[in-house]
Amino acid sequence: MTHSIQATLTERLTLSRPTERDLPELHALHADPEVWKHLPSARHTELADTRELVDRYLAGWEVNGVDVWVARDTATGALVGMGGPSLRGGRAWNIYYRLAPSAWGRGYAQEIVAAAREAASATGRDLPLVASLLEHNEGSRRAARRAGLELVWRGPDAGNPDPDAVRLLFADRPLSEDTLRLFAS
C-alpha cells in the first residue's frame, strides 16, 4: 500500500478524500435502493443528504487527518464506493465500507479495511477498530470476519424504524462498556 497526501493506493483501488466533484456519484451510490436493501430508511433521497454525509467525513479529515475515502478503481477511475476509518467519540475507529452493487463480492471491502487499519494506526492512536452492521447484512458480516474482526456485541439497533433489527459490533479487541454504549445507542 502506498500513501500520499492526495491518495492511498491499494492493489486495485485509489482511495482519496471526498471532493465536490465526487458528490453526484456519491449521491447516486447512496440513493441506490439496492445499496440500502438492509436499511431502506437510510437511503438518500436528496442531494443534501449526501452533502451532509460528505461534510461530516470532511470534518473528520480536518480534525483527525484521516476519515472516509472515495474508492475508485485505479485502472478505470470508476467509483467502487466509499470506506475508511472514522473516529467515534475519541474512543474507537469505525471502519466503514459502502460499495456499489457492481463491486460486491470482489474483495474491495478487504482492501478498504486493510487501508483503514493502516491509516488509523498511522495516526498514533491505539484505539479499537469497530465494524457496526445489521445482522441480516450477510456481505458486511463476511467482510468484517474476513478482516479478522470478532463479534463483540449483538443487540437491538437503536433508532432503526424496524423494531426487530439487530445490530452487530465486530472489533479487533474487546470493547470497554463506554465504547460499546457509543456504538450501541
Protein backbone atom coordinates (compact mmCIF):
# COMPACT_ATOMS: atom_id res chain seq x y z
CA MET A 1 0.00 0.00 0.00
CA THR A 2 1.34 3.43 -0.83
CA HIS A 3 0.27 6.76 0.64
CA SER A 4 0.49 10.35 -0.49
CA ILE A 5 -1.17 13.50 0.70
CA GLN A 6 -3.68 13.12 -2.11
CA ALA A 7 -4.39 9.38 -2.13
CA THR A 8 -3.81 5.92 -0.73
CA LEU A 9 -3.26 3.19 -3.29
CA THR A 10 -4.16 -0.43 -2.62
CA GLU A 11 -3.69 -3.30 -5.04
CA ARG A 12 -6.64 -2.17 -7.19
CA LEU A 13 -8.07 0.98 -5.61
CA THR A 14 -7.27 4.65 -5.33
CA LEU A 15 -8.64 5.93 -2.02
CA SER A 16 -8.94 9.70 -1.75
CA ARG A 17 -10.53 12.38 0.35
CA PRO A 18 -14.00 13.28 -1.00
CA THR A 19 -14.31 16.43 -3.10
CA GLU A 20 -17.17 18.45 -4.51
CA ARG A 21 -16.57 16.71 -7.88
CA ASP A 22 -17.40 13.35 -6.26
CA LEU A 23 -20.78 14.47 -4.92
CA PRO A 24 -23.01 13.44 -7.89
CA GLU A 25 -21.57 9.90 -7.99
CA LEU A 26 -21.64 9.57 -4.21
CA HIS A 27 -25.27 10.64 -4.22
CA ALA A 28 -26.11 8.06 -6.89
CA LEU A 29 -24.43 5.41 -4.73
CA HIS A 30 -26.29 6.45 -1.56
CA ALA A 31 -29.62 6.82 -3.42
CA ASP A 32 -29.45 3.32 -4.94
CA PRO A 33 -32.17 1.16 -3.31
CA GLU A 34 -30.04 -1.96 -3.81
CA VAL A 35 -27.27 -0.44 -1.67
CA TRP A 36 -29.79 0.15 1.13
CA LYS A 37 -31.76 -3.09 0.95
CA HIS A 38 -30.63 -3.84 4.54
CA LEU A 39 -31.69 -0.41 5.84
CA PRO A 40 -34.11 1.26 3.37
CA SER A 41 -34.85 4.15 5.74
CA ALA A 42 -31.23 5.39 5.39
CA ARG A 43 -31.38 5.73 1.59
CA HIS A 44 -30.54 9.25 0.44
CA THR A 45 -33.47 10.85 -1.34
CA GLU A 46 -31.98 14.35 -1.65
CA LEU A 47 -28.54 15.55 -2.69
CA ALA A 48 -28.48 17.45 0.62
CA ASP A 49 -28.42 14.08 2.46
CA THR A 50 -25.23 13.08 0.66
CA ARG A 51 -23.69 16.52 1.09
CA GLU A 52 -24.29 16.31 4.85
CA LEU A 53 -22.60 12.88 4.96
CA VAL A 54 -19.60 14.10 2.95
CA ASP A 55 -19.33 17.24 5.10
CA ARG A 56 -19.20 15.03 8.21
CA TYR A 57 -16.36 13.00 6.69
CA LEU A 58 -14.51 16.15 5.62
CA ALA A 59 -14.76 17.47 9.19
CA GLY A 60 -13.16 14.21 10.34
CA TRP A 61 -10.36 14.75 7.84
CA GLU A 62 -9.75 18.23 9.25
CA VAL A 63 -9.69 17.11 12.89
CA ASN A 64 -8.06 13.68 12.60
CA GLY A 65 -6.05 13.80 9.38
CA VAL A 66 -7.96 10.80 8.02
CA ASP A 67 -11.57 9.70 7.56
CA VAL A 68 -13.71 8.00 4.93
CA TRP A 69 -12.32 7.88 1.40
CA VAL A 70 -13.86 7.78 -2.04
CA ALA A 71 -12.80 4.42 -3.52
CA ARG A 72 -12.14 4.26 -7.24
CA ASP A 73 -10.84 1.51 -9.49
CA THR A 74 -7.28 2.65 -10.20
CA ALA A 75 -7.31 1.27 -13.75
CA THR A 76 -10.60 2.80 -14.89
CA GLY A 77 -11.35 5.60 -12.42
CA ALA A 78 -14.84 4.14 -11.88
CA LEU A 79 -16.44 4.67 -8.48
CA VAL A 80 -16.32 1.48 -6.42
CA GLY A 81 -17.74 3.03 -3.24
CA MET A 82 -16.69 4.74 -0.04
CA GLY A 83 -14.89 3.50 3.02
CA GLY A 84 -12.29 4.11 5.64
CA PRO A 85 -11.71 4.87 9.32
CA SER A 86 -13.88 7.42 11.10
CA LEU A 87 -13.05 8.33 14.70
CA ARG A 88 -16.06 7.85 17.00
CA GLY A 89 -16.16 9.79 20.25
CA GLY A 90 -12.37 9.69 20.53
CA ARG A 91 -12.73 6.03 21.63
CA ALA A 92 -12.62 3.85 18.51
CA TRP A 93 -12.23 3.84 14.76
CA ASN A 94 -15.45 2.99 12.97
CA ILE A 95 -14.45 1.03 9.88
CA TYR A 96 -16.94 1.94 7.20
CA TYR A 97 -17.42 0.46 3.74
CA ARG A 98 -20.28 1.08 1.33
CA LEU A 99 -19.80 -0.35 -2.12
CA ALA A 100 -21.69 -0.12 -5.39
CA PRO A 101 -23.54 -3.36 -6.21
CA SER A 102 -21.26 -3.88 -9.23
CA ALA A 103 -18.32 -4.06 -6.77
CA TRP A 104 -19.85 -6.56 -4.35
CA GLY A 105 -18.09 -9.88 -3.84
CA ARG A 106 -14.82 -8.77 -5.43
CA GLY A 107 -12.72 -8.26 -2.28
CA TYR A 108 -12.76 -4.47 -2.37
CA ALA A 109 -14.04 -4.22 1.22
CA GLN A 110 -10.92 -6.12 2.34
CA GLU A 111 -8.67 -3.63 0.57
CA ILE A 112 -10.51 -0.73 2.17
CA VAL A 113 -10.42 -2.31 5.64
CA ALA A 114 -6.67 -3.05 5.34
CA ALA A 115 -6.00 0.55 4.27
CA ALA A 116 -8.25 1.85 7.08
CA ARG A 117 -6.37 -0.25 9.64
CA GLU A 118 -3.04 1.12 8.39
CA ALA A 119 -4.30 4.73 8.27
CA ALA A 120 -5.78 4.55 11.77
CA SER A 121 -2.54 3.07 13.10
CA ALA A 122 -0.52 5.82 11.40
CA THR A 123 -2.34 8.44 13.50
CA GLY A 124 -0.59 7.06 16.59
CA ARG A 125 -3.91 6.46 18.36
CA ASP A 126 -4.02 2.84 19.53
CA LEU A 127 -7.79 2.55 19.52
CA PRO A 128 -10.09 -0.35 18.67
CA LEU A 129 -11.26 -0.89 15.10
CA VAL A 130 -15.01 -1.48 15.01
CA ALA A 131 -17.38 -2.52 12.22
CA SER A 132 -21.02 -1.81 13.08
CA LEU A 133 -23.58 -3.57 10.90
CA LEU A 134 -27.03 -5.05 10.75
CA GLU A 135 -27.24 -8.76 11.44
CA HIS A 136 -29.08 -9.56 8.21
CA ASN A 137 -26.38 -7.89 6.08
CA GLU A 138 -24.50 -11.08 5.20
CA GLY A 139 -22.00 -9.34 2.90
CA SER A 140 -20.87 -6.87 5.56
CA ARG A 141 -20.72 -9.62 8.15
CA ARG A 142 -18.49 -11.76 5.90
CA ALA A 143 -16.26 -8.74 5.19
CA ALA A 144 -15.82 -8.00 8.91
CA ARG A 145 -14.93 -11.62 9.66
CA ARG A 146 -12.51 -11.84 6.71
CA ALA A 147 -10.82 -8.71 8.05
CA GLY A 148 -10.09 -10.56 11.29
CA LEU A 149 -12.65 -8.71 13.37
CA GLU A 150 -14.54 -10.68 16.03
CA LEU A 151 -18.16 -10.35 17.08
CA VAL A 152 -18.12 -8.46 20.41
CA TRP A 153 -21.75 -7.36 20.78
CA ARG A 154 -25.22 -8.21 19.50
CA GLY A 155 -28.33 -6.23 20.40
CA PRO A 156 -31.21 -4.05 19.28
CA ASP A 157 -30.48 -1.44 16.63
CA ALA A 158 -31.36 1.78 18.45
CA GLY A 159 -33.21 4.26 16.26
CA ASN A 160 -33.96 1.77 13.49
CA PRO A 161 -37.59 2.03 12.33
CA ASP A 162 -37.63 -1.79 12.20
CA PRO A 163 -38.13 -2.80 15.87
CA ASP A 164 -36.80 -6.30 15.11
CA ALA A 165 -33.50 -5.06 13.62
CA VAL A 166 -30.38 -6.42 15.31
CA ARG A 167 -27.06 -4.53 15.37
CA LEU A 168 -23.75 -6.41 15.45
CA LEU A 169 -20.43 -4.94 16.52
CA PHE A 170 -17.24 -6.57 15.29
CA ALA A 171 -13.90 -5.36 16.66
CA ASP A 172 -10.20 -6.14 16.69
CA ARG A 173 -10.23 -6.36 20.52
CA PRO A 174 -12.68 -6.34 23.44
CA LEU A 175 -14.51 -3.01 23.85
CA SER A 176 -14.99 -1.08 27.07
CA GLU A 177 -18.54 -0.52 28.30
CA ASP A 178 -18.28 3.17 27.29
CA THR A 179 -17.23 2.24 23.76
CA LEU A 180 -20.00 -0.36 23.50
CA ARG A 181 -22.55 2.28 24.53
CA LEU A 182 -21.13 4.70 21.96
CA PHE A 183 -21.82 2.24 19.14
CA ALA A 184 -24.91 0.51 20.53
CA SER A 185 -27.02 3.57 21.27
